[in-house]
Amino acid sequence: MPLPDEVLEKYKRAGKIAREAREYGKGLVREGASLLEAVTTIEALITSRGARPAFPVNIAINEVAAHFTPRHDDVGLKFARGDVVKLDVGVQVDGYIGDTATTIEVGTTVWTDMKKAVEEALGAAMELLRPGTDLSLVGQAIETTIAARGFKPVENLTGHSLERNVLHAGISVPNVKEKGAGTVREGDVLAVEPFATNGMGRVDGKKNSSIYRLVRHRFARTSEARGLLRDIEANFPSLPFSERWCVRYCPEAIAALEALVRCGAVSFYPTLREVDDGIVTQAEHTMVVTAGGAVVTT
């Protein structure tokens, strides 16, 4: 079913702000600049526009494909010449989300073809998205486009559907041909995000990314952890949040979050690295599927 006009407008507004934040953020990614300053500046821009981040700004560098944001004390992290930086930005307006990403190469042009591979793959996917399209064909188009430039898609990362206050809403948009992927429907809101690599084409990881999500209410042993859990439940009940956002409620946020992870109240997103340490590039747009095709909001 088509989205109600008021819902579509909120998706469009979130997408517009996300696009502005993404483009502004590209200028912050330069040799010697602080990762922490970049993400906090981008997030401040989002809030200044009357919206909220849908998730902490992600900065994934080189072989890291996704899921990393600086902690509040990561003041020494700097961009270096030659870094391949995936900048992933999410914005919510009344819970309706715009999710977008781009790849910036710091001071060099070694990986231009791999950047073009994901941009072209995203374009190929956008052309196919309309009601009735088999998502396996979308994955096949992404895979074929990336392979044509001599790279591999990251097969175990996918795009995803969006719903109000839900970042990953159940539909996956594959980056390779995948049987049984499902069918596109009018009214679907999809974040399509091809990833390309010169490695094996898979990611894995266990390291804490400093990005968390609420799992359930559980008893925490320390008063700091219990207090922080109350704040998380009030402010981040459904969407991802960062350690540095928690510092405003709890100065000992790192220890308190560790306690909440141990008791099962929150979990962290693992930092995802290419298994062969291959360089990874990414491009992403959010799209609303209409009877006439995909309307890009970001």
Protein backbone atom coordinates (compact mmCIF):
# COMPACT_ATOMS: atom_id res chain seq x y z
CA MET A 1 0.00 0.00 0.00
CA PRO A 2 1.21 3.55 -0.65
CA LEU A 3 2.39 5.47 2.39
CA PRO A 4 0.12 8.17 3.81
CA ASP A 5 1.20 11.63 2.66
CA GLU A 6 2.17 12.77 6.17
CA VAL A 7 4.39 9.70 6.65
CA LEU A 8 6.02 10.14 3.25
CA GLU A 9 6.78 13.77 4.06
CA LYS A 10 8.53 12.75 7.29
CA TYR A 11 10.61 10.18 5.43
CA LYS A 12 11.52 12.84 2.87
CA ARG A 13 12.47 15.35 5.56
CA ALA A 14 14.63 12.79 7.37
CA GLY A 15 16.27 11.90 4.06
CA LYS A 16 16.94 15.51 3.18
CA ILE A 17 18.65 16.16 6.51
CA ALA A 18 20.60 12.91 6.22
CA ARG A 19 21.81 13.94 2.76
CA GLU A 20 22.89 17.33 4.07
CA ALA A 21 24.71 15.73 6.99
CA ARG A 22 26.43 13.21 4.71
CA GLU A 23 27.65 15.87 2.31
CA TYR A 24 28.76 18.14 5.15
CA GLY A 25 30.54 15.24 6.79
CA LYS A 26 32.55 14.48 3.67
CA GLY A 27 34.36 17.78 4.17
CA LEU A 28 35.36 16.78 7.70
CA VAL A 29 37.13 13.63 6.55
CA ARG A 30 40.66 14.86 5.85
CA GLU A 31 44.20 13.96 6.81
CA GLY A 32 44.93 14.69 10.48
CA ALA A 33 41.32 15.48 11.39
CA SER A 34 39.75 13.93 14.48
CA LEU A 35 37.22 11.11 14.06
CA LEU A 36 35.55 12.16 17.32
CA GLU A 37 35.19 15.75 16.20
CA ALA A 38 33.79 14.64 12.84
CA VAL A 39 31.02 12.47 14.28
CA THR A 40 30.02 14.94 17.00
CA THR A 41 29.92 17.80 14.49
CA ILE A 42 27.73 15.82 12.09
CA GLU A 43 25.37 14.79 14.88
CA ALA A 44 25.17 18.39 16.09
CA LEU A 45 24.17 19.46 12.57
CA ILE A 46 21.36 16.89 12.58
CA THR A 47 19.96 18.13 15.88
CA SER A 48 20.27 21.76 14.75
CA ARG A 49 17.86 20.91 11.92
CA GLY A 50 15.22 19.75 14.39
CA ALA A 51 15.83 16.04 13.87
CA ARG A 52 17.72 13.34 15.80
CA PRO A 53 20.38 10.84 14.76
CA ALA A 54 18.76 7.47 14.01
CA PHE A 55 22.03 5.85 15.07
CA PRO A 56 25.52 7.08 15.96
CA VAL A 57 27.43 8.33 12.94
CA ASN A 58 29.51 5.36 11.74
CA ILE A 59 33.06 5.74 10.49
CA ALA A 60 34.49 2.51 9.10
CA ILE A 61 38.05 2.69 7.75
CA ASN A 62 39.86 0.48 5.23
CA GLU A 63 39.13 -3.22 6.01
CA VAL A 64 36.41 -2.27 8.51
CA ALA A 65 33.15 -2.43 6.58
CA ALA A 66 30.65 -1.24 9.20
CA HIS A 67 29.84 -0.65 12.86
CA PHE A 68 32.34 1.69 14.41
CA THR A 69 31.94 5.02 16.14
CA PRO A 70 34.44 6.73 18.49
CA ARG A 71 33.98 6.71 22.25
CA HIS A 72 33.91 9.99 24.14
CA ASP A 73 37.60 9.59 25.07
CA ASP A 74 38.91 8.53 21.63
CA VAL A 75 40.59 11.90 21.16
CA GLY A 76 43.68 10.43 19.52
CA LEU A 77 41.93 8.83 16.56
CA LYS A 78 42.82 10.74 13.37
CA PHE A 79 42.23 10.22 9.67
CA ALA A 80 45.41 9.29 7.77
CA ARG A 81 46.39 9.79 4.15
CA GLY A 82 45.19 6.85 2.08
CA ASP A 83 42.37 5.88 4.44
CA VAL A 84 39.24 4.55 2.74
CA VAL A 85 36.47 5.91 4.96
CA LYS A 86 32.86 4.75 4.93
CA LEU A 87 30.69 7.52 6.39
CA ASP A 88 27.25 6.18 7.37
CA VAL A 89 24.64 8.66 8.61
CA GLY A 90 21.11 8.09 9.91
CA VAL A 91 18.46 10.69 10.74
CA GLN A 92 15.03 10.26 12.29
CA VAL A 93 12.08 12.62 12.18
CA ASP A 94 9.33 11.43 14.53
CA GLY A 95 10.82 7.94 14.20
CA TYR A 96 10.88 7.93 10.37
CA ILE A 97 14.41 7.27 9.17
CA GLY A 98 16.77 8.33 6.41
CA ASP A 99 19.88 6.13 6.16
CA THR A 100 22.71 6.98 3.79
CA ALA A 101 26.41 6.32 3.30
CA THR A 102 29.32 7.24 1.08
CA THR A 103 33.02 6.42 0.76
CA ILE A 104 35.79 9.01 0.96
CA GLU A 105 39.44 8.32 0.15
CA VAL A 106 41.73 10.58 2.15
CA GLY A 107 44.24 12.39 -0.06
CA THR A 108 44.72 9.64 -2.66
CA THR A 109 42.86 8.11 -5.61
CA VAL A 110 43.99 4.49 -5.40
CA TRP A 111 40.51 3.08 -4.83
CA THR A 112 38.50 5.19 -7.28
CA ASP A 113 37.32 2.14 -9.24
CA MET A 114 36.08 0.41 -6.11
CA LYS A 115 34.18 3.54 -5.08
CA LYS A 116 32.61 3.71 -8.55
CA ALA A 117 31.70 0.02 -8.31
CA VAL A 118 29.37 0.55 -5.34
CA GLU A 119 27.95 3.78 -6.74
CA GLU A 120 27.12 2.05 -10.02
CA ALA A 121 25.72 -0.97 -8.19
CA LEU A 122 23.46 1.30 -6.15
CA GLY A 123 22.24 2.93 -9.34
CA ALA A 124 21.51 -0.47 -10.90
CA ALA A 125 19.50 -1.49 -7.84
CA MET A 126 17.51 1.76 -7.86
CA GLU A 127 16.43 1.18 -11.45
CA LEU A 128 14.94 -2.21 -10.54
CA LEU A 129 13.06 -1.27 -7.38
CA ARG A 130 9.35 -1.21 -8.10
CA PRO A 131 6.37 -3.23 -6.86
CA GLY A 132 6.69 -6.88 -7.82
CA THR A 133 10.46 -6.93 -8.32
CA ASP A 134 12.17 -10.06 -7.03
CA LEU A 135 14.87 -8.93 -4.58
CA SER A 136 17.14 -11.71 -5.80
CA LEU A 137 17.32 -9.83 -9.12
CA VAL A 138 18.36 -6.69 -7.22
CA GLY A 139 21.13 -8.68 -5.53
CA GLN A 140 22.18 -10.12 -8.87
CA ALA A 141 22.39 -6.64 -10.41
CA ILE A 142 24.55 -5.42 -7.51
CA GLU A 143 26.82 -8.46 -7.72
CA THR A 144 27.22 -8.25 -11.50
CA THR A 145 27.94 -4.51 -11.46
CA ILE A 146 30.62 -4.82 -8.77
CA ALA A 147 32.21 -7.84 -10.49
CA ALA A 148 32.38 -5.93 -13.79
CA ARG A 149 34.93 -3.60 -12.15
CA GLY A 150 36.97 -6.53 -10.85
CA PHE A 151 35.80 -6.61 -7.21
CA LYS A 152 33.62 -8.77 -5.00
CA PRO A 153 30.41 -7.77 -3.24
CA VAL A 154 30.37 -8.38 0.50
CA GLU A 155 27.87 -11.21 0.46
CA ASN A 156 26.97 -11.32 4.16
CA LEU A 157 26.09 -7.63 4.43
CA THR A 158 22.70 -6.53 3.14
CA GLY A 159 20.44 -3.57 2.80
CA HIS A 160 17.29 -3.52 4.92
CA SER A 161 13.76 -2.25 5.23
CA LEU A 162 12.87 0.62 7.56
CA GLU A 163 9.80 1.23 9.67
CA ARG A 164 8.96 3.83 12.26
CA ASN A 165 11.56 3.56 15.06
CA VAL A 166 12.90 0.34 13.51
CA LEU A 167 16.20 0.44 11.64
CA HIS A 168 16.21 -3.18 10.46
CA ALA A 169 12.56 -4.05 9.91
CA GLY A 170 12.72 -7.58 8.52
CA ILE A 171 13.31 -7.31 4.77
CA SER A 172 16.90 -7.80 3.58
CA VAL A 173 18.16 -6.41 0.28
CA PRO A 174 20.93 -8.80 -0.79
CA ASN A 175 24.18 -7.74 -2.41
CA VAL A 176 24.41 -11.04 -4.32
CA LYS A 177 21.90 -13.23 -6.14
CA GLU A 178 19.97 -14.96 -3.38
CA LYS A 179 17.02 -17.29 -3.90
CA GLY A 180 13.95 -16.61 -1.79
CA ALA A 181 14.90 -13.03 -0.99
CA GLY A 182 11.30 -11.87 -1.34
CA THR A 183 9.38 -9.42 -3.47
CA VAL A 184 9.26 -5.62 -3.38
CA ARG A 185 5.91 -4.11 -2.41
CA GLU A 186 4.48 -0.64 -2.87
CA GLY A 187 5.06 1.32 0.33
CA ASP A 188 8.26 -0.51 1.28
CA VAL A 189 11.00 1.77 2.59
CA LEU A 190 14.38 0.27 1.80
CA ALA A 191 17.96 1.24 2.59
CA VAL A 192 20.03 -0.27 -0.21
CA GLU A 193 23.75 -0.46 0.53
CA PRO A 194 26.19 -2.26 -1.76
CA PHE A 195 29.64 -3.05 -0.37
CA ALA A 196 32.62 -3.95 -2.57
CA THR A 197 36.03 -5.38 -1.64
CA ASN A 198 39.27 -6.73 -3.05
CA GLY A 199 39.21 -9.37 -0.31
CA MET A 200 37.19 -12.56 0.20
CA GLY A 201 33.80 -10.88 0.14
CA ARG A 202 32.73 -11.64 3.69
CA VAL A 203 32.88 -9.84 7.04
CA ASP A 204 33.11 -11.02 10.62
CA GLY A 205 33.81 -9.49 13.97
CA LYS A 206 33.52 -9.65 17.74
CA LYS A 207 35.09 -6.39 18.91
CA ASN A 208 32.84 -3.81 20.56
CA SER A 209 32.02 -0.98 18.13
CA SER A 210 30.86 1.44 20.88
CA ILE A 211 27.38 1.16 19.34
CA TYR A 212 24.70 -0.45 21.49
CA ARG A 213 21.02 -1.37 21.55
CA LEU A 214 18.57 -2.00 24.36
CA VAL A 215 17.62 -5.68 24.69
CA ARG A 216 15.39 -5.94 27.76
CA HIS A 217 15.00 -4.67 31.29
CA ARG A 218 17.29 -6.62 33.61
CA PHE A 219 18.57 -6.07 37.12
CA ALA A 220 22.02 -4.44 37.17
CA ARG A 221 24.28 -4.73 40.20
CA THR A 222 25.64 -1.18 40.39
CA SER A 223 23.62 1.96 41.00
CA GLU A 224 25.41 3.63 38.05
CA ALA A 225 24.32 0.86 35.70
CA ARG A 226 20.76 0.90 37.00
CA GLY A 227 20.55 4.66 36.56
CA LEU A 228 21.99 4.49 33.06
CA LEU A 229 19.55 1.74 32.11
CA ARG A 230 16.65 3.97 33.11
CA ASP A 231 18.05 6.74 30.91
CA ILE A 232 18.57 4.35 27.99
CA GLU A 233 15.00 3.07 28.28
CA ALA A 234 13.71 6.64 28.30
CA ASN A 235 15.88 8.01 25.47
CA PHE A 236 16.95 5.07 23.24
CA PRO A 237 14.19 2.47 23.57
CA SER A 238 14.37 1.10 20.02
CA LEU A 239 17.21 2.62 17.98
CA PRO A 240 21.00 2.21 18.37
CA PHE A 241 22.96 4.53 20.64
CA SER A 242 26.61 5.22 21.49
CA GLU A 243 28.74 5.24 24.59
CA ARG A 244 29.45 8.94 24.11
CA TRP A 245 25.72 9.70 24.13
CA CYS A 246 25.49 7.93 27.49
CA VAL A 247 28.19 10.10 29.07
CA ARG A 248 25.68 12.96 29.33
CA TYR A 249 23.68 10.77 31.75
CA CYS A 250 26.47 8.81 33.43
CA PRO A 251 30.10 10.01 33.67
CA GLU A 252 31.18 6.39 34.17
CA ALA A 253 29.36 5.26 31.03
CA ILE A 254 31.99 2.78 29.86
CA ALA A 255 31.91 0.76 33.09
CA ALA A 256 28.13 1.08 33.37
CA LEU A 257 27.60 -0.16 29.80
CA GLU A 258 29.94 -3.10 30.41
CA ALA A 259 27.80 -4.02 33.42
CA LEU A 260 24.62 -3.76 31.35
CA VAL A 261 26.12 -5.99 28.65
CA ARG A 262 27.08 -8.59 31.25
CA CYS A 263 23.56 -8.73 32.71
CA GLY A 264 21.95 -8.88 29.24
CA ALA A 265 20.14 -5.55 29.37
CA VAL A 266 21.99 -4.14 26.35
CA SER A 267 24.13 -5.63 23.61
CA PHE A 268 26.79 -4.10 21.41
CA TYR A 269 27.12 -4.22 17.65
CA PRO A 270 30.38 -5.93 16.67
CA THR A 271 32.80 -4.06 14.45
CA LEU A 272 32.65 -5.85 11.09
CA ARG A 273 35.96 -6.42 9.29
CA GLU A 274 36.61 -8.00 5.92
CA VAL A 275 37.84 -11.52 6.71
CA ASP A 276 40.85 -11.27 4.38
CA ASP A 277 41.62 -7.67 5.44
CA GLY A 278 40.48 -6.43 2.05
CA ILE A 279 39.67 -2.77 1.51
CA VAL A 280 35.91 -2.12 1.55
CA THR A 281 33.80 0.60 -0.09
CA GLN A 282 30.11 1.38 0.46
CA ALA A 283 27.31 3.48 -0.99
CA GLU A 284 23.79 3.74 0.42
CA HIS A 285 20.48 5.49 -0.17
CA THR A 286 17.05 5.19 1.38
CA MET A 287 14.17 4.71 -1.06
CA VAL A 288 10.40 4.62 -0.84
CA VAL A 289 8.85 2.17 -3.31
CA THR A 290 5.93 3.71 -5.21
CA ALA A 291 3.81 2.44 -8.08
CA GLY A 292 6.13 4.27 -10.48
CA GLY A 293 9.42 3.08 -8.99
CA ALA A 294 11.80 4.07 -6.22
CA VAL A 295 11.75 7.59 -4.75
CA VAL A 296 15.16 8.31 -3.25
CA THR A 297 14.88 10.32 -0.03
CA THR A 298 18.61 10.71 0.70
